[in-house]
Amino acid sequence: MNSSSQSSPAEARPGWRHAFFSDSVRFVLAPVILLLSGLFTANFVISGSFTWPGTSRTLALTLTVLILSREFVYKEQLSRNESPGRAWSAVLYSCVLPYVIGVLVMVALWAL
């Protein structure tokens, strides 16, 4: 038996780093970013100070959030051979739900 026939644990599980990264984006990074962007967007809308710098920041944030959701959650689920319905469920769970929670928290804070 030579040393080239033995495989390391990393070689035995191909793609484990990719799976870890994509799961950490889906379950940690995306929900945190979407929660904070929901807070920021709701604060901007409720405050009523619609200046051009604030509006452009909010539009840029919204575009960034849409790209994050599509590229790093939806497409990643499709690349794992999930059905489009399951990929949209992942977007709903990881992106839409935290965004709505962020908006609701800001509305509740403004109502106090």
N, C-alpha and C. Protein backbone atom coordinates (compact mmCIF):
# COMPACT_ATOMS: atom_id res chain seq x y z
N MET A 1 0.84 -1.17 0.00
CA MET A 1 0.00 0.00 0.00
C MET A 1 0.89 1.23 0.00
N ASN A 2 0.71 2.09 -0.96
CA ASN A 2 1.53 3.29 -1.01
C ASN A 2 0.75 4.48 -0.46
N SER A 3 1.46 5.57 -0.22
CA SER A 3 0.84 6.73 0.43
C SER A 3 -0.12 7.46 -0.51
N SER A 4 0.01 7.25 -1.80
CA SER A 4 -0.88 7.96 -2.72
C SER A 4 -2.27 7.34 -2.77
N SER A 5 -2.42 6.10 -2.31
CA SER A 5 -3.74 5.47 -2.33
C SER A 5 -4.60 5.90 -1.14
N GLN A 6 -3.97 6.43 -0.10
CA GLN A 6 -4.73 6.90 1.05
C GLN A 6 -5.18 8.33 0.79
N SER A 7 -6.39 8.63 1.22
CA SER A 7 -6.90 9.98 1.00
C SER A 7 -7.04 10.69 2.34
N SER A 8 -6.86 11.96 2.30
CA SER A 8 -7.03 12.76 3.51
C SER A 8 -8.51 12.97 3.76
N PRO A 9 -8.90 13.38 4.97
CA PRO A 9 -10.32 13.62 5.25
C PRO A 9 -10.93 14.68 4.35
N ALA A 10 -10.14 15.68 3.97
CA ALA A 10 -10.66 16.73 3.09
C ALA A 10 -10.95 16.18 1.70
N GLU A 11 -10.14 15.22 1.24
CA GLU A 11 -10.37 14.63 -0.06
C GLU A 11 -11.54 13.65 -0.03
N ALA A 12 -11.81 13.07 1.12
CA ALA A 12 -12.91 12.12 1.23
C ALA A 12 -14.26 12.82 1.14
N ARG A 13 -14.29 14.07 1.55
CA ARG A 13 -15.53 14.85 1.48
C ARG A 13 -15.32 16.04 0.55
N PRO A 14 -15.43 15.82 -0.76
CA PRO A 14 -15.17 16.92 -1.68
C PRO A 14 -16.24 18.00 -1.54
N GLY A 15 -15.78 19.22 -1.51
CA GLY A 15 -16.71 20.34 -1.48
C GLY A 15 -17.24 20.69 -0.11
N TRP A 16 -16.68 20.14 0.96
CA TRP A 16 -17.21 20.45 2.30
C TRP A 16 -17.00 21.91 2.64
N ARG A 17 -15.92 22.52 2.17
CA ARG A 17 -15.71 23.94 2.43
C ARG A 17 -16.74 24.79 1.71
N HIS A 18 -17.04 24.40 0.49
CA HIS A 18 -18.06 25.12 -0.28
C HIS A 18 -19.42 25.01 0.41
N ALA A 19 -19.76 23.83 0.87
CA ALA A 19 -21.04 23.63 1.56
C ALA A 19 -21.08 24.42 2.86
N PHE A 20 -19.97 24.44 3.60
CA PHE A 20 -19.93 25.20 4.84
C PHE A 20 -20.10 26.69 4.57
N PHE A 21 -19.41 27.20 3.54
CA PHE A 21 -19.52 28.62 3.21
C PHE A 21 -20.93 28.97 2.77
N SER A 22 -21.52 28.16 1.91
CA SER A 22 -22.86 28.48 1.42
C SER A 22 -23.89 28.37 2.54
N ASP A 23 -23.73 27.41 3.44
CA ASP A 23 -24.66 27.32 4.57
C ASP A 23 -24.48 28.49 5.53
N SER A 24 -23.24 28.93 5.75
CA SER A 24 -23.04 30.07 6.64
C SER A 24 -23.60 31.34 6.03
N VAL A 25 -23.52 31.49 4.72
CA VAL A 25 -24.16 32.65 4.07
C VAL A 25 -25.66 32.56 4.21
N ARG A 26 -26.22 31.39 3.96
CA ARG A 26 -27.68 31.23 3.98
C ARG A 26 -28.26 31.37 5.38
N PHE A 27 -27.61 30.81 6.39
CA PHE A 27 -28.20 30.77 7.72
C PHE A 27 -27.70 31.86 8.67
N VAL A 28 -26.59 32.52 8.35
CA VAL A 28 -26.05 33.53 9.27
C VAL A 28 -25.95 34.90 8.58
N LEU A 29 -25.15 34.98 7.55
CA LEU A 29 -24.84 36.27 6.94
C LEU A 29 -26.05 36.92 6.28
N ALA A 30 -26.74 36.20 5.43
CA ALA A 30 -27.90 36.78 4.73
C ALA A 30 -28.99 37.22 5.70
N PRO A 31 -29.39 36.41 6.68
CA PRO A 31 -30.43 36.90 7.61
C PRO A 31 -30.02 38.14 8.40
N VAL A 32 -28.77 38.22 8.82
CA VAL A 32 -28.32 39.40 9.57
C VAL A 32 -28.34 40.64 8.68
N ILE A 33 -27.82 40.51 7.46
CA ILE A 33 -27.81 41.65 6.54
C ILE A 33 -29.23 42.08 6.20
N LEU A 34 -30.11 41.12 5.94
CA LEU A 34 -31.48 41.46 5.58
C LEU A 34 -32.24 42.06 6.76
N LEU A 35 -32.01 41.59 7.96
CA LEU A 35 -32.64 42.16 9.14
C LEU A 35 -32.23 43.62 9.31
N LEU A 36 -30.94 43.89 9.20
CA LEU A 36 -30.45 45.26 9.34
C LEU A 36 -30.93 46.16 8.21
N SER A 37 -31.01 45.62 6.99
CA SER A 37 -31.50 46.45 5.89
C SER A 37 -32.99 46.72 6.02
N GLY A 38 -33.74 45.78 6.58
CA GLY A 38 -35.16 46.04 6.86
C GLY A 38 -35.32 47.15 7.88
N LEU A 39 -34.48 47.13 8.91
CA LEU A 39 -34.50 48.21 9.90
C LEU A 39 -34.18 49.56 9.25
N PHE A 40 -33.13 49.60 8.44
CA PHE A 40 -32.70 50.84 7.81
C PHE A 40 -33.75 51.37 6.84
N THR A 41 -34.30 50.48 6.02
CA THR A 41 -35.29 50.91 5.03
C THR A 41 -36.55 51.43 5.70
N ALA A 42 -37.02 50.72 6.72
CA ALA A 42 -38.22 51.17 7.43
C ALA A 42 -37.96 52.50 8.14
N ASN A 43 -36.78 52.67 8.71
CA ASN A 43 -36.44 53.93 9.35
C ASN A 43 -36.45 55.07 8.34
N PHE A 44 -35.92 54.83 7.16
CA PHE A 44 -35.90 55.85 6.11
C PHE A 44 -37.32 56.24 5.69
N VAL A 45 -38.17 55.24 5.48
CA VAL A 45 -39.54 55.52 5.04
C VAL A 45 -40.34 56.22 6.13
N ILE A 46 -40.22 55.74 7.36
CA ILE A 46 -41.00 56.32 8.47
C ILE A 46 -40.53 57.72 8.80
N SER A 47 -39.23 57.97 8.70
CA SER A 47 -38.70 59.29 9.10
C SER A 47 -39.22 60.40 8.20
N GLY A 48 -39.46 60.11 6.94
CA GLY A 48 -40.00 61.11 6.03
C GLY A 48 -38.99 62.11 5.51
N SER A 49 -37.73 61.96 5.82
CA SER A 49 -36.71 62.89 5.30
C SER A 49 -36.15 62.33 4.00
N PHE A 50 -36.86 62.60 2.93
CA PHE A 50 -36.52 62.03 1.63
C PHE A 50 -35.55 62.95 0.89
N THR A 51 -34.30 62.94 1.31
CA THR A 51 -33.26 63.69 0.62
C THR A 51 -32.63 62.79 -0.43
N TRP A 52 -31.93 63.39 -1.37
CA TRP A 52 -31.32 62.58 -2.42
C TRP A 52 -30.25 61.62 -1.86
N PRO A 53 -29.37 62.05 -0.95
CA PRO A 53 -28.40 61.07 -0.42
C PRO A 53 -29.06 59.90 0.31
N GLY A 54 -30.09 60.17 1.09
CA GLY A 54 -30.78 59.09 1.79
C GLY A 54 -31.50 58.16 0.83
N THR A 55 -32.12 58.75 -0.18
CA THR A 55 -32.83 57.94 -1.18
C THR A 55 -31.86 57.08 -1.97
N SER A 56 -30.72 57.64 -2.37
CA SER A 56 -29.76 56.86 -3.15
C SER A 56 -29.15 55.74 -2.30
N ARG A 57 -28.90 56.00 -1.01
CA ARG A 57 -28.39 54.93 -0.14
C ARG A 57 -29.42 53.81 0.00
N THR A 58 -30.69 54.18 0.15
CA THR A 58 -31.73 53.17 0.30
C THR A 58 -31.91 52.37 -0.98
N LEU A 59 -31.85 53.03 -2.12
CA LEU A 59 -31.96 52.30 -3.40
C LEU A 59 -30.76 51.38 -3.61
N ALA A 60 -29.57 51.86 -3.26
CA ALA A 60 -28.37 51.01 -3.39
C ALA A 60 -28.46 49.81 -2.45
N LEU A 61 -28.95 50.04 -1.23
CA LEU A 61 -29.11 48.94 -0.28
C LEU A 61 -30.12 47.92 -0.80
N THR A 62 -31.22 48.40 -1.33
CA THR A 62 -32.24 47.50 -1.86
C THR A 62 -31.71 46.67 -3.02
N LEU A 63 -30.97 47.31 -3.91
CA LEU A 63 -30.38 46.58 -5.04
C LEU A 63 -29.36 45.55 -4.55
N THR A 64 -28.55 45.92 -3.58
CA THR A 64 -27.57 45.00 -3.02
C THR A 64 -28.24 43.80 -2.37
N VAL A 65 -29.32 44.04 -1.65
CA VAL A 65 -30.05 42.97 -0.99
C VAL A 65 -30.67 42.02 -2.02
N LEU A 66 -31.22 42.57 -3.08
CA LEU A 66 -31.78 41.71 -4.13
C LEU A 66 -30.71 40.85 -4.79
N ILE A 67 -29.55 41.44 -5.04
CA ILE A 67 -28.45 40.68 -5.64
C ILE A 67 -27.96 39.60 -4.68
N LEU A 68 -27.79 39.95 -3.41
CA LEU A 68 -27.38 38.96 -2.40
C LEU A 68 -28.36 37.80 -2.36
N SER A 69 -29.64 38.12 -2.33
CA SER A 69 -30.65 37.07 -2.24
C SER A 69 -30.62 36.15 -3.46
N ARG A 70 -30.50 36.72 -4.64
CA ARG A 70 -30.54 35.92 -5.86
C ARG A 70 -29.25 35.11 -6.05
N GLU A 71 -28.12 35.79 -5.94
CA GLU A 71 -26.85 35.14 -6.26
C GLU A 71 -26.38 34.16 -5.19
N PHE A 72 -26.52 34.53 -3.92
CA PHE A 72 -25.91 33.72 -2.87
C PHE A 72 -26.88 32.79 -2.16
N VAL A 73 -28.15 32.95 -2.37
CA VAL A 73 -29.11 32.04 -1.75
C VAL A 73 -29.85 31.24 -2.83
N TYR A 74 -30.55 31.93 -3.73
CA TYR A 74 -31.35 31.24 -4.74
C TYR A 74 -30.49 30.40 -5.68
N LYS A 75 -29.49 31.01 -6.29
CA LYS A 75 -28.65 30.27 -7.24
C LYS A 75 -27.85 29.16 -6.56
N GLU A 76 -27.45 29.39 -5.32
CA GLU A 76 -26.71 28.35 -4.59
C GLU A 76 -27.59 27.14 -4.35
N GLN A 77 -28.85 27.37 -4.03
CA GLN A 77 -29.76 26.24 -3.83
C GLN A 77 -30.00 25.50 -5.15
N LEU A 78 -30.09 26.24 -6.24
CA LEU A 78 -30.24 25.58 -7.54
C LEU A 78 -29.00 24.77 -7.90
N SER A 79 -27.82 25.26 -7.53
CA SER A 79 -26.59 24.52 -7.85
C SER A 79 -26.47 23.24 -7.03
N ARG A 80 -27.21 23.14 -5.94
CA ARG A 80 -27.24 21.90 -5.15
C ARG A 80 -28.30 20.93 -5.65
N ASN A 81 -28.78 21.17 -6.83
CA ASN A 81 -29.79 20.33 -7.48
C ASN A 81 -31.11 20.33 -6.73
N GLU A 82 -31.43 21.45 -6.10
CA GLU A 82 -32.74 21.61 -5.47
C GLU A 82 -33.72 22.07 -6.54
N SER A 83 -34.99 21.82 -6.31
CA SER A 83 -36.00 22.28 -7.24
C SER A 83 -36.15 23.80 -7.09
N PRO A 84 -36.65 24.48 -8.11
CA PRO A 84 -36.86 25.93 -7.99
C PRO A 84 -37.80 26.30 -6.84
N GLY A 85 -38.76 25.46 -6.56
CA GLY A 85 -39.66 25.72 -5.44
C GLY A 85 -38.93 25.70 -4.10
N ARG A 86 -38.02 24.74 -3.93
CA ARG A 86 -37.24 24.68 -2.69
C ARG A 86 -36.24 25.83 -2.61
N ALA A 87 -35.73 26.25 -3.76
CA ALA A 87 -34.81 27.40 -3.77
C ALA A 87 -35.54 28.67 -3.36
N TRP A 88 -36.77 28.84 -3.84
CA TRP A 88 -37.56 30.01 -3.42
C TRP A 88 -37.93 29.93 -1.95
N SER A 89 -38.13 28.72 -1.44
CA SER A 89 -38.38 28.57 -0.01
C SER A 89 -37.17 29.00 0.81
N ALA A 90 -35.98 28.69 0.32
CA ALA A 90 -34.75 29.12 1.00
C ALA A 90 -34.64 30.64 1.00
N VAL A 91 -35.00 31.28 -0.11
CA VAL A 91 -34.99 32.75 -0.18
C VAL A 91 -36.02 33.32 0.78
N LEU A 92 -37.17 32.72 0.85
CA LEU A 92 -38.21 33.18 1.77
C LEU A 92 -37.74 33.08 3.21
N TYR A 93 -37.15 31.97 3.57
CA TYR A 93 -36.71 31.73 4.95
C TYR A 93 -35.49 32.58 5.31
N SER A 94 -34.51 32.65 4.41
CA SER A 94 -33.25 33.30 4.73
C SER A 94 -33.22 34.78 4.43
N CYS A 95 -34.10 35.26 3.56
CA CYS A 95 -34.02 36.66 3.12
C CYS A 95 -35.29 37.46 3.41
N VAL A 96 -36.42 36.97 2.94
CA VAL A 96 -37.66 37.75 3.07
C VAL A 96 -38.10 37.83 4.53
N LEU A 97 -38.09 36.73 5.22
CA LEU A 97 -38.53 36.71 6.62
C LEU A 97 -37.69 37.63 7.51
N PRO A 98 -36.34 37.58 7.45
CA PRO A 98 -35.57 38.53 8.27
C PRO A 98 -35.81 39.99 7.88
N TYR A 99 -36.00 40.26 6.59
CA TYR A 99 -36.27 41.63 6.15
C TYR A 99 -37.58 42.14 6.74
N VAL A 100 -38.61 41.32 6.68
CA VAL A 100 -39.92 41.70 7.23
C VAL A 100 -39.83 41.86 8.74
N ILE A 101 -39.09 41.01 9.41
CA ILE A 101 -38.91 41.14 10.86
C ILE A 101 -38.21 42.46 11.18
N GLY A 102 -37.20 42.83 10.39
CA GLY A 102 -36.52 44.10 10.59
C GLY A 102 -37.45 45.29 10.42
N VAL A 103 -38.30 45.23 9.41
CA VAL A 103 -39.28 46.31 9.19
C VAL A 103 -40.24 46.38 10.36
N LEU A 104 -40.74 45.23 10.80
CA LEU A 104 -41.70 45.22 11.91
C LEU A 104 -41.08 45.71 13.21
N VAL A 105 -39.82 45.38 13.45
CA VAL A 105 -39.14 45.87 14.66
C VAL A 105 -39.02 47.39 14.61
N MET A 106 -38.65 47.93 13.46
CA MET A 106 -38.53 49.39 13.36
C MET A 106 -39.88 50.07 13.51
N VAL A 107 -40.91 49.51 12.94
CA VAL A 107 -42.26 50.08 13.09
C VAL A 107 -42.67 50.02 14.57
N ALA A 108 -42.37 48.94 15.24
CA ALA A 108 -42.71 48.83 16.68
C ALA A 108 -41.91 49.84 17.49
N LEU A 109 -40.65 50.05 17.15
CA LEU A 109 -39.83 51.02 17.87
C LEU A 109 -40.33 52.44 17.65
N TRP A 110 -40.79 52.74 16.45
CA TRP A 110 -41.31 54.08 16.16
C TRP A 110 -42.66 54.29 16.84
N ALA A 111 -43.41 53.22 17.04
CA ALA A 111 -44.73 53.35 17.66
C ALA A 111 -44.63 53.61 19.15
N LEU A 112 -43.50 53.29 19.76
CA LEU A 112 -43.35 53.50 21.20
C LEU A 112 -43.31 54.94 21.52
